[in-house]
Amino acid sequence: MTLKLILNYTIAFFMWLVLGRAIISLFTKNLNNPIYAIFYRATEPLYKIARKIFPYGTTMFIVVVLVILRILVVKYL
């Protein structure tokens, strides 16, 4: 039960970070902006992994994959 909760919250956390980065990137993509820089540094490792697996995936595609992964974790663990 504990592993299930940890995975669920971790995936949810990254999902919201990716969504936050997507929303902020509509306004700025300047790494000198401290808010965008925080989101960039927090999500870039996830983006690198996702780009290797899905080379043509967009940010919303990554969010959809995270949502599906989260549902599978909650349902089957």
PDB file of N, CA and C in Angstrom:
ATOM      1  N   MET A   1       0.825  -1.203   0.000  1.00  0.00           N
ATOM      2  CA  MET A   1       0.000   0.000   0.000  1.00  0.00           C
ATOM      3  C   MET A   1       0.868   1.265   0.000  1.00  0.00           C
ATOM      4  N   THR A   2       1.949   1.245   0.728  1.00  0.00           N
ATOM      5  CA  THR A   2       2.800   2.421   0.810  1.00  0.00           C
ATOM      6  C   THR A   2       3.498   2.699  -0.520  1.00  0.00           C
ATOM      7  N   LEU A   3       3.988   1.649  -1.174  1.00  0.00           N
ATOM      8  CA  LEU A   3       4.639   1.830  -2.475  1.00  0.00           C
ATOM      9  C   LEU A   3       3.663   2.408  -3.490  1.00  0.00           C
ATOM     10  N   LYS A   4       2.443   1.958  -3.435  1.00  0.00           N
ATOM     11  CA  LYS A   4       1.404   2.462  -4.343  1.00  0.00           C
ATOM     12  C   LYS A   4       1.190   3.958  -4.140  1.00  0.00           C
ATOM     13  N   LEU A   5       1.102   4.392  -2.898  1.00  0.00           N
ATOM     14  CA  LEU A   5       0.908   5.819  -2.615  1.00  0.00           C
ATOM     15  C   LEU A   5       2.112   6.650  -3.040  1.00  0.00           C
ATOM     16  N   ILE A   6       3.305   6.147  -2.776  1.00  0.00           N
ATOM     17  CA  ILE A   6       4.510   6.888  -3.153  1.00  0.00           C
ATOM     18  C   ILE A   6       4.589   7.040  -4.667  1.00  0.00           C
ATOM     19  N   LEU A   7       4.353   5.956  -5.411  1.00  0.00           N
ATOM     20  CA  LEU A   7       4.363   6.041  -6.869  1.00  0.00           C
ATOM     21  C   LEU A   7       3.270   6.967  -7.391  1.00  0.00           C
ATOM     22  N   ASN A   8       2.096   6.860  -6.803  1.00  0.00           N
ATOM     23  CA  ASN A   8       0.981   7.703  -7.237  1.00  0.00           C
ATOM     24  C   ASN A   8       1.300   9.183  -7.037  1.00  0.00           C
ATOM     25  N   TYR A   9       1.790   9.541  -5.869  1.00  0.00           N
ATOM     26  CA  TYR A   9       2.105  10.952  -5.599  1.00  0.00           C
ATOM     27  C   TYR A   9       3.291  11.445  -6.421  1.00  0.00           C
ATOM     28  N   THR A  10       4.271  10.579  -6.654  1.00  0.00           N
ATOM     29  CA  THR A  10       5.423  10.972  -7.462  1.00  0.00           C
ATOM     30  C   THR A  10       5.019  11.239  -8.900  1.00  0.00           C
ATOM     31  N   ILE A  11       4.227  10.336  -9.465  1.00  0.00           N
ATOM     32  CA  ILE A  11       3.767  10.532 -10.841  1.00  0.00           C
ATOM     33  C   ILE A  11       2.875  11.763 -10.938  1.00  0.00           C
ATOM     34  N   ALA A  12       2.001  11.960  -9.946  1.00  0.00           N
ATOM     35  CA  ALA A  12       1.136  13.143  -9.942  1.00  0.00           C
ATOM     36  C   ALA A  12       1.964  14.426  -9.844  1.00  0.00           C
ATOM     37  N   PHE A  13       2.999  14.410  -9.033  1.00  0.00           N
ATOM     38  CA  PHE A  13       3.873  15.573  -8.888  1.00  0.00           C
ATOM     39  C   PHE A  13       4.531  15.930 -10.216  1.00  0.00           C
ATOM     40  N   PHE A  14       5.094  14.916 -10.898  1.00  0.00           N
ATOM     41  CA  PHE A  14       5.719  15.182 -12.192  1.00  0.00           C
ATOM     42  C   PHE A  14       4.698  15.606 -13.238  1.00  0.00           C
ATOM     43  N   MET A  15       3.491  15.055 -13.161  1.00  0.00           N
ATOM     44  CA  MET A  15       2.444  15.440 -14.104  1.00  0.00           C
ATOM     45  C   MET A  15       2.124  16.931 -13.960  1.00  0.00           C
ATOM     46  N   TRP A  16       1.990  17.404 -12.719  1.00  0.00           N
ATOM     47  CA  TRP A  16       1.685  18.811 -12.503  1.00  0.00           C
ATOM     48  C   TRP A  16       2.868  19.705 -12.867  1.00  0.00           C
ATOM     49  N   LEU A  17       4.090  19.214 -12.643  1.00  0.00           N
ATOM     50  CA  LEU A  17       5.258  19.991 -13.066  1.00  0.00           C
ATOM     51  C   LEU A  17       5.298  20.156 -14.582  1.00  0.00           C
ATOM     52  N   VAL A  18       5.013  19.079 -15.316  1.00  0.00           N
ATOM     53  CA  VAL A  18       5.010  19.154 -16.778  1.00  0.00           C
ATOM     54  C   VAL A  18       3.907  20.096 -17.253  1.00  0.00           C
ATOM     55  N   LEU A  19       2.737  20.005 -16.649  1.00  0.00           N
ATOM     56  CA  LEU A  19       1.656  20.934 -17.014  1.00  0.00           C
ATOM     57  C   LEU A  19       2.030  22.380 -16.695  1.00  0.00           C
ATOM     58  N   GLY A  20       2.660  22.594 -15.551  1.00  0.00           N
ATOM     59  CA  GLY A  20       3.108  23.939 -15.201  1.00  0.00           C
ATOM     60  C   GLY A  20       4.134  24.472 -16.174  1.00  0.00           C
ATOM     61  N   ARG A  21       5.059  23.621 -16.582  1.00  0.00           N
ATOM     62  CA  ARG A  21       6.050  24.050 -17.572  1.00  0.00           C
ATOM     63  C   ARG A  21       5.385  24.383 -18.902  1.00  0.00           C
ATOM     64  N   ALA A  22       4.388  23.591 -19.285  1.00  0.00           N
ATOM     65  CA  ALA A  22       3.691  23.854 -20.548  1.00  0.00           C
ATOM     66  C   ALA A  22       2.966  25.193 -20.492  1.00  0.00           C
ATOM     67  N   ILE A  23       2.333  25.482 -19.384  1.00  0.00           N
ATOM     68  CA  ILE A  23       1.585  26.738 -19.257  1.00  0.00           C
ATOM     69  C   ILE A  23       2.541  27.930 -19.222  1.00  0.00           C
ATOM     70  N   ILE A  24       3.608  27.818 -18.444  1.00  0.00           N
ATOM     71  CA  ILE A  24       4.564  28.923 -18.360  1.00  0.00           C
ATOM     72  C   ILE A  24       5.273  29.147 -19.692  1.00  0.00           C
ATOM     73  N   SER A  25       5.521  28.059 -20.448  1.00  0.00           N
ATOM     74  CA  SER A  25       6.216  28.226 -21.722  1.00  0.00           C
ATOM     75  C   SER A  25       5.373  28.965 -22.755  1.00  0.00           C
ATOM     76  N   LEU A  26       4.076  29.087 -22.517  1.00  0.00           N
ATOM     77  CA  LEU A  26       3.256  29.908 -23.405  1.00  0.00           C
ATOM     78  C   LEU A  26       3.623  31.384 -23.290  1.00  0.00           C
ATOM     79  N   PHE A  27       4.120  31.786 -22.126  1.00  0.00           N
ATOM     80  CA  PHE A  27       4.442  33.186 -21.871  1.00  0.00           C
ATOM     81  C   PHE A  27       5.920  33.503 -22.055  1.00  0.00           C
ATOM     82  N   THR A  28       6.785  32.573 -21.640  1.00  0.00           N
ATOM     83  CA  THR A  28       8.221  32.809 -21.759  1.00  0.00           C
ATOM     84  C   THR A  28       8.961  31.486 -21.843  1.00  0.00           C
ATOM     85  N   LYS A  29      10.076  31.504 -22.561  1.00  0.00           N
ATOM     86  CA  LYS A  29      10.981  30.357 -22.592  1.00  0.00           C
ATOM     87  C   LYS A  29      12.389  30.816 -22.238  1.00  0.00           C
ATOM     88  N   ASN A  30      12.466  31.919 -21.540  1.00  0.00           N
ATOM     89  CA  ASN A  30      13.734  32.506 -21.148  1.00  0.00           C
ATOM     90  C   ASN A  30      14.201  31.852 -19.850  1.00  0.00           C
ATOM     91  N   LEU A  31      15.364  31.220 -19.874  1.00  0.00           N
ATOM     92  CA  LEU A  31      15.876  30.568 -18.668  1.00  0.00           C
ATOM     93  C   LEU A  31      16.339  31.569 -17.609  1.00  0.00           C
ATOM     94  N   ASN A  32      16.399  32.843 -17.963  1.00  0.00           N
ATOM     95  CA  ASN A  32      16.728  33.854 -16.956  1.00  0.00           C
ATOM     96  C   ASN A  32      15.537  34.150 -16.059  1.00  0.00           C
ATOM     97  N   ASN A  33      14.338  33.768 -16.484  1.00  0.00           N
ATOM     98  CA  ASN A  33      13.150  33.898 -15.654  1.00  0.00           C
ATOM     99  C   ASN A  33      13.227  32.819 -14.575  1.00  0.00           C
ATOM    100  N   PRO A  34      13.237  33.216 -13.282  1.00  0.00           N
ATOM    101  CA  PRO A  34      13.458  32.227 -12.219  1.00  0.00           C
ATOM    102  C   PRO A  34      12.344  31.179 -12.121  1.00  0.00           C
ATOM    103  N   ILE A  35      11.117  31.535 -12.400  1.00  0.00           N
ATOM    104  CA  ILE A  35      10.024  30.575 -12.299  1.00  0.00           C
ATOM    105  C   ILE A  35      10.148  29.530 -13.408  1.00  0.00           C
ATOM    106  N   TYR A  36      10.396  29.984 -14.618  1.00  0.00           N
ATOM    107  CA  TYR A  36      10.569  29.036 -15.722  1.00  0.00           C
ATOM    108  C   TYR A  36      11.810  28.173 -15.506  1.00  0.00           C
ATOM    109  N   ALA A  37      12.864  28.750 -14.962  1.00  0.00           N
ATOM    110  CA  ALA A  37      14.094  27.991 -14.716  1.00  0.00           C
ATOM    111  C   ALA A  37      13.854  26.864 -13.717  1.00  0.00           C
ATOM    112  N   ILE A  38      13.042  27.104 -12.696  1.00  0.00           N
ATOM    113  CA  ILE A  38      12.721  26.059 -11.715  1.00  0.00           C
ATOM    114  C   ILE A  38      11.970  24.922 -12.384  1.00  0.00           C
ATOM    115  N   PHE A  39      10.953  25.255 -13.172  1.00  0.00           N
ATOM    116  CA  PHE A  39      10.184  24.222 -13.866  1.00  0.00           C
ATOM    117  C   PHE A  39      11.069  23.489 -14.875  1.00  0.00           C
ATOM    118  N   TYR A  40      11.935  24.211 -15.552  1.00  0.00           N
ATOM    119  CA  TYR A  40      12.812  23.598 -16.548  1.00  0.00           C
ATOM    120  C   TYR A  40      13.756  22.593 -15.900  1.00  0.00           C
ATOM    121  N   ARG A  41      14.402  23.010 -14.816  1.00  0.00           N
ATOM    122  CA  ARG A  41      15.353  22.117 -14.141  1.00  0.00           C
ATOM    123  C   ARG A  41      14.659  20.910 -13.517  1.00  0.00           C
ATOM    124  N   ALA A  42      13.436  21.086 -13.061  1.00  0.00           N
ATOM    125  CA  ALA A  42      12.722  19.975 -12.435  1.00  0.00           C
ATOM    126  C   ALA A  42      12.195  18.974 -13.454  1.00  0.00           C
ATOM    127  N   THR A  43      11.843  19.440 -14.644  1.00  0.00           N
ATOM    128  CA  THR A  43      11.215  18.550 -15.620  1.00  0.00           C
ATOM    129  C   THR A  43      12.153  18.080 -16.723  1.00  0.00           C
ATOM    130  N   GLU A  44      13.301  18.680 -16.881  1.00  0.00           N
ATOM    131  CA  GLU A  44      14.178  18.309 -17.991  1.00  0.00           C
ATOM    132  C   GLU A  44      14.644  16.850 -17.930  1.00  0.00           C
ATOM    133  N   PRO A  45      14.955  16.275 -16.765  1.00  0.00           N
ATOM    134  CA  PRO A  45      15.301  14.838 -16.761  1.00  0.00           C
ATOM    135  C   PRO A  45      14.160  13.961 -17.282  1.00  0.00           C
ATOM    136  N   LEU A  46      12.932  14.301 -16.950  1.00  0.00           N
ATOM    137  CA  LEU A  46      11.776  13.558 -17.448  1.00  0.00           C
ATOM    138  C   LEU A  46      11.623  13.741 -18.956  1.00  0.00           C
ATOM    139  N   TYR A  47      11.851  14.940 -19.436  1.00  0.00           N
ATOM    140  CA  TYR A  47      11.766  15.212 -20.875  1.00  0.00           C
ATOM    141  C   TYR A  47      12.843  14.440 -21.641  1.00  0.00           C
ATOM    142  N   LYS A  48      14.049  14.327 -21.082  1.00  0.00           N
ATOM    143  CA  LYS A  48      15.116  13.591 -21.762  1.00  0.00           C
ATOM    144  C   LYS A  48      14.740  12.127 -21.932  1.00  0.00           C
ATOM    145  N   ILE A  49      14.182  11.535 -20.886  1.00  0.00           N
ATOM    146  CA  ILE A  49      13.746  10.141 -20.963  1.00  0.00           C
ATOM    147  C   ILE A  49      12.615  10.007 -21.971  1.00  0.00           C
ATOM    148  N   ALA A  50      11.653  10.915 -21.908  1.00  0.00           N
ATOM    149  CA  ALA A  50      10.502  10.846 -22.815  1.00  0.00           C
ATOM    150  C   ALA A  50      10.928  11.062 -24.261  1.00  0.00           C
ATOM    151  N   ARG A  51      11.908  11.919 -24.504  1.00  0.00           N
ATOM    152  CA  ARG A  51      12.378  12.151 -25.880  1.00  0.00           C
ATOM    153  C   ARG A  51      13.082  10.930 -26.461  1.00  0.00           C
ATOM    154  N   LYS A  52      13.740  10.146 -25.597  1.00  0.00           N
ATOM    155  CA  LYS A  52      14.384   8.926 -26.080  1.00  0.00           C
ATOM    156  C   LYS A  52      13.335   7.878 -26.438  1.00  0.00           C
ATOM    157  N   ILE A  53      12.282   7.774 -25.639  1.00  0.00           N
ATOM    158  CA  ILE A  53      11.250   6.771 -25.883  1.00  0.00           C
ATOM    159  C   ILE A  53      10.305   7.216 -26.992  1.00  0.00           C
ATOM    160  N   PHE A  54       9.866   8.470 -26.933  1.00  0.00           N
ATOM    161  CA  PHE A  54       8.926   9.029 -27.911  1.00  0.00           C
ATOM    162  C   PHE A  54       9.567  10.245 -28.576  1.00  0.00           C
ATOM    163  N   PRO A  55      10.346  10.057 -29.637  1.00  0.00           N
ATOM    164  CA  PRO A  55      11.076  11.191 -30.221  1.00  0.00           C
ATOM    165  C   PRO A  55      10.176  12.297 -30.768  1.00  0.00           C
ATOM    166  N   TYR A  56       8.960  11.964 -31.153  1.00  0.00           N
ATOM    167  CA  TYR A  56       8.072  12.984 -31.719  1.00  0.00           C
ATOM    168  C   TYR A  56       6.976  13.390 -30.752  1.00  0.00           C
ATOM    169  N   GLY A  57       7.117  13.052 -29.482  1.00  0.00           N
ATOM    170  CA  GLY A  57       6.097  13.375 -28.489  1.00  0.00           C
ATOM    171  C   GLY A  57       6.129  14.837 -28.088  1.00  0.00           C
ATOM    172  N   THR A  58       4.957  15.389 -27.854  1.00  0.00           N
ATOM    173  CA  THR A  58       4.848  16.768 -27.390  1.00  0.00           C
ATOM    174  C   THR A  58       4.642  16.771 -25.882  1.00  0.00           C
ATOM    175  N   THR A  59       4.541  17.945 -25.312  1.00  0.00           N
ATOM    176  CA  THR A  59       4.332  18.050 -23.878  1.00  0.00           C
ATOM    177  C   THR A  59       3.006  17.429 -23.467  1.00  0.00           C
ATOM    178  N   MET A  60       1.962  17.676 -24.238  1.00  0.00           N
ATOM    179  CA  MET A  60       0.666  17.097 -23.878  1.00  0.00           C
ATOM    180  C   MET A  60       0.689  15.582 -24.018  1.00  0.00           C
ATOM    181  N   PHE A  61       1.472  15.061 -24.951  1.00  0.00           N
ATOM    182  CA  PHE A  61       1.624  13.622 -25.079  1.00  0.00           C
ATOM    183  C   PHE A  61       2.286  13.051 -23.827  1.00  0.00           C
ATOM    184  N   ILE A  62       3.285  13.748 -23.300  1.00  0.00           N
ATOM    185  CA  ILE A  62       3.952  13.316 -22.082  1.00  0.00           C
ATOM    186  C   ILE A  62       2.979  13.331 -20.911  1.00  0.00           C
ATOM    187  N   VAL A  63       2.133  14.344 -20.839  1.00  0.00           N
ATOM    188  CA  VAL A  63       1.135  14.406 -19.770  1.00  0.00           C
ATOM    189  C   VAL A  63       0.160  13.237 -19.879  1.00  0.00           C
ATOM    190  N   VAL A  64      -0.272  12.931 -21.082  1.00  0.00           N
ATOM    191  CA  VAL A  64      -1.199  11.807 -21.275  1.00  0.00           C
ATOM    192  C   VAL A  64      -0.541  10.499 -20.845  1.00  0.00           C
ATOM    193  N   VAL A  65       0.722  10.308 -21.194  1.00  0.00           N
ATOM    194  CA  VAL A  65       1.443   9.107 -20.778  1.00  0.00           C
ATOM    195  C   VAL A  65       1.531   9.041 -19.256  1.00  0.00           C
ATOM    196  N   LEU A  66       1.797  10.168 -18.605  1.00  0.00           N
ATOM    197  CA  LEU A  66       1.859  10.194 -17.145  1.00  0.00           C
ATOM    198  C   LEU A  66       0.505   9.881 -16.517  1.00  0.00           C
ATOM    199  N   VAL A  67      -0.566  10.394 -17.088  1.00  0.00           N
ATOM    200  CA  VAL A  67      -1.903  10.105 -16.564  1.00  0.00           C
ATOM    201  C   VAL A  67      -2.211   8.622 -16.702  1.00  0.00           C
ATOM    202  N   ILE A  68      -1.914   8.042 -17.853  1.00  0.00           N
ATOM    203  CA  ILE A  68      -2.149   6.609 -18.052  1.00  0.00           C
ATOM    204  C   ILE A  68      -1.300   5.786 -17.091  1.00  0.00           C
ATOM    205  N   LEU A  69      -0.044   6.165 -16.928  1.00  0.00           N
ATOM    206  CA  LEU A  69       0.826   5.465 -15.993  1.00  0.00           C
ATOM    207  C   LEU A  69       0.290   5.560 -14.567  1.00  0.00           C
ATOM    208  N   ARG A  70      -0.199   6.726 -14.200  1.00  0.00           N
ATOM    209  CA  ARG A  70      -0.758   6.913 -12.860  1.00  0.00           C
ATOM    210  C   ARG A  70      -1.997   6.041 -12.663  1.00  0.00           C
ATOM    211  N   ILE A  71      -2.849   5.957 -13.659  1.00  0.00           N
ATOM    212  CA  ILE A  71      -4.042   5.110 -13.550  1.00  0.00           C
ATOM    213  C   ILE A  71      -3.638   3.647 -13.408  1.00  0.00           C
ATOM    214  N   LEU A  72      -2.660   3.222 -14.188  1.00  0.00           N
ATOM    215  CA  LEU A  72      -2.203   1.833 -14.095  1.00  0.00           C
ATOM    216  C   LEU A  72      -1.592   1.519 -12.735  1.00  0.00           C
ATOM    217  N   VAL A  73      -0.848   2.454 -12.177  1.00  0.00           N
ATOM    218  CA  VAL A  73      -0.258   2.243 -10.851  1.00  0.00           C
ATOM    219  C   VAL A  73      -1.355   2.115  -9.807  1.00  0.00           C
ATOM    220  N   VAL A  74      -2.322   2.991  -9.848  1.00  0.00           N
ATOM    221  CA  VAL A  74      -3.403   2.959  -8.849  1.00  0.00           C
ATOM    222  C   VAL A  74      -4.244   1.697  -9.012  1.00  0.00           C
ATOM    223  N   LYS A  75      -4.481   1.284 -10.222  1.00  0.00           N
ATOM    224  CA  LYS A  75      -5.367   0.158 -10.454  1.00  0.00           C
ATOM    225  C   LYS A  75      -4.704  -1.190 -10.167  1.00  0.00           C
ATOM    226  N   TYR A  76      -3.449  -1.365 -10.552  1.00  0.00           N
ATOM    227  CA  TYR A  76      -2.840  -2.676 -10.500  1.00  0.00           C
ATOM    228  C   TYR A  76      -1.828  -2.893  -9.387  1.00  0.00           C
ATOM    229  N   LEU A  77      -1.505  -1.895  -8.615  1.00  0.00           N
ATOM    230  CA  LEU A  77      -0.600  -2.103  -7.479  1.00  0.00           C
ATOM    231  C   LEU A  77      -1.341  -2.178  -6.189  1.00  0.00           C
TER     232      LEU A  77
END
